[in-house]
C-alpha atoms as a PDB file:
ATOM      1  CA  MET A   1     107.510  87.375 110.137  1.00  0.00           C
ATOM      2  CA  PRO A   2     109.346  87.781 106.746  1.00  0.00           C
ATOM      3  CA  LEU A   3     111.367  84.797 105.275  1.00  0.00           C
ATOM      4  CA  ALA A   4     114.351  86.602 105.297  1.00  0.00           C
ATOM      5  CA  LEU A   5     114.349  87.067 109.363  1.00  0.00           C
ATOM      6  CA  GLU A   6     113.603  83.173 109.513  1.00  0.00           C
ATOM      7  CA  GLN A   7     116.302  81.911 107.467  1.00  0.00           C
ATOM      8  CA  SER A   8     119.601  84.197 108.360  1.00  0.00           C
ATOM      9  CA  HIS A   9     120.963  86.592 110.697  1.00  0.00           C
ATOM     10  CA  ILE A  10     118.989  89.628 109.129  1.00  0.00           C
ATOM     11  CA  SER A  11     117.490  91.881 111.609  1.00  0.00           C
ATOM     12  CA  GLN A  12     114.468  94.591 111.416  1.00  0.00           C
ATOM     13  CA  ASN A  13     116.622  96.540 111.276  1.00  0.00           C
ATOM     14  CA  ASP A  14     118.263  96.142 108.287  1.00  0.00           C
ATOM     15  CA  LEU A  15     114.932  94.786 106.342  1.00  0.00           C
ATOM     16  CA  ILE A  16     113.550  98.774 107.325  1.00  0.00           C
ATOM     17  CA  SER A  17     114.772 101.474 104.349  1.00  0.00           C
ATOM     18  CA  VAL A  18     113.108 104.283 102.988  1.00  0.00           C
ATOM     19  CA  ARG A  19     109.457 103.898 101.677  1.00  0.00           C
ATOM     20  CA  SER A  20     109.416 100.571 104.116  1.00  0.00           C
ATOM     21  CA  ILE A  21     106.329 100.446 105.804  1.00  0.00           C
ATOM     22  CA  VAL A  22     106.353  99.726 109.488  1.00  0.00           C
ATOM     23  CA  ARG A  23     104.805  99.201 112.691  1.00  0.00           C
ATOM     24  CA  ILE A  24     105.615 100.922 116.118  1.00  0.00           C
ATOM     25  CA  LEU A  25     105.857  98.372 118.621  1.00  0.00           C
ATOM     26  CA  GLY A  26     102.681  97.613 120.595  1.00  0.00           C
ATOM     27  CA  ARG A  27     100.549  99.276 117.828  1.00  0.00           C
ATOM     28  CA  SER A  28      98.484  98.444 115.004  1.00  0.00           C
ATOM     29  CA  SER A  29      98.773 101.110 112.441  1.00  0.00           C
ATOM     30  CA  THR A  30     101.172 101.519 109.604  1.00  0.00           C
ATOM     31  CA  HIS A  31     103.497 104.124 108.505  1.00  0.00           C
ATOM     32  CA  ILE A  32     105.866 105.124 106.184  1.00  0.00           C
ATOM     33  CA  VAL A  33     109.938 105.924 106.359  1.00  0.00           C
ATOM     34  CA  LYS A  34     110.934 108.458 104.827  1.00  0.00           C
ATOM     35  CA  ALA A  35     114.417 109.227 106.113  1.00  0.00           C
ATOM     36  CA  ILE A  36     116.783 106.859 108.155  1.00  0.00           C
ATOM     37  CA  THR A  37     119.491 108.717 110.014  1.00  0.00           C
ATOM     38  CA  LYS A  38     123.238 107.733 109.122  1.00  0.00           C
ATOM     39  CA  ASP A  39     123.643 105.924 112.053  1.00  0.00           C
ATOM     40  CA  ARG A  40     120.139 103.895 111.666  1.00  0.00           C
ATOM     41  CA  GLN A  41     119.042 104.789 114.950  1.00  0.00           C
ATOM     42  CA  SER A  42     116.063 106.526 114.453  1.00  0.00           C
ATOM     43  CA  ALA A  43     113.571 106.906 111.184  1.00  0.00           C
ATOM     44  CA  TRP A  44     111.759 109.865 109.745  1.00  0.00           C
ATOM     45  CA  ILE A  45     107.942 108.234 109.481  1.00  0.00           C
ATOM     46  CA  THR A  46     104.443 109.399 108.769  1.00  0.00           C
ATOM     47  CA  TYR A  47     102.501 109.643 111.985  1.00  0.00           C
ATOM     48  CA  GLY A  48      98.814 110.449 110.842  1.00  0.00           C
ATOM     49  CA  ASP A  49      99.201 113.851 108.943  1.00  0.00           C
ATOM     50  CA  ASP A  50     102.516 114.951 110.239  1.00  0.00           C
ATOM     51  CA  TYR A  51     106.022 113.240 110.223  1.00  0.00           C
ATOM     52  CA  SER A  52     108.129 112.246 113.194  1.00  0.00           C
ATOM     53  CA  TRP A  53     111.314 110.873 114.444  1.00  0.00           C
ATOM     54  CA  TRP A  54     111.125 107.570 116.054  1.00  0.00           C
ATOM     55  CA  PRO A  55     113.699 104.662 117.250  1.00  0.00           C
ATOM     56  CA  MET A  56     114.465 102.123 114.750  1.00  0.00           C
ATOM     57  CA  SER A  57     114.739 100.108 117.635  1.00  0.00           C
ATOM     58  CA  GLU A  58     110.787 100.489 117.831  1.00  0.00           C
ATOM     59  CA  LEU A  59     110.166  99.832 114.499  1.00  0.00           C
ATOM     60  CA  ARG A  60     108.960  96.653 112.774  1.00  0.00           C
ATOM     61  CA  TYR A  61     109.466  96.282 109.272  1.00  0.00           C
ATOM     62  CA  VAL A  62     105.782  95.312 107.489  1.00  0.00           C
ATOM     63  CA  SER A  63     106.622  95.507 103.731  1.00  0.00           C
ATOM     64  CA  GLN A  64     108.058  97.650 101.152  1.00  0.00           C
ATOM     65  CA  LEU A  65     105.888 100.736  99.296  1.00  0.00           C
ATOM     66  CA  GLU A  66     105.352  99.762  95.720  1.00  0.00           C
ATOM     67  CA  LEU A  67     105.581 102.401  93.292  1.00  0.00           C
ATOM     68  CA  PHE A  68     103.448 101.987  90.013  1.00  0.00           C
END
């Protein structure tokens, strides 16, 4: 669990942003967030070779994608 979650009131939903790496609850594969709805209820994520809208409540933050 990220340190930010252990030390404050920040939720998983607060950590997730565009270019975050996330996991879907109960799954081990990771996905990249490409967009988030204005109401922060859904995220557009990579899903294999495709993209899919996924409920934010089912996503868990892993890390932030780094640009080099």
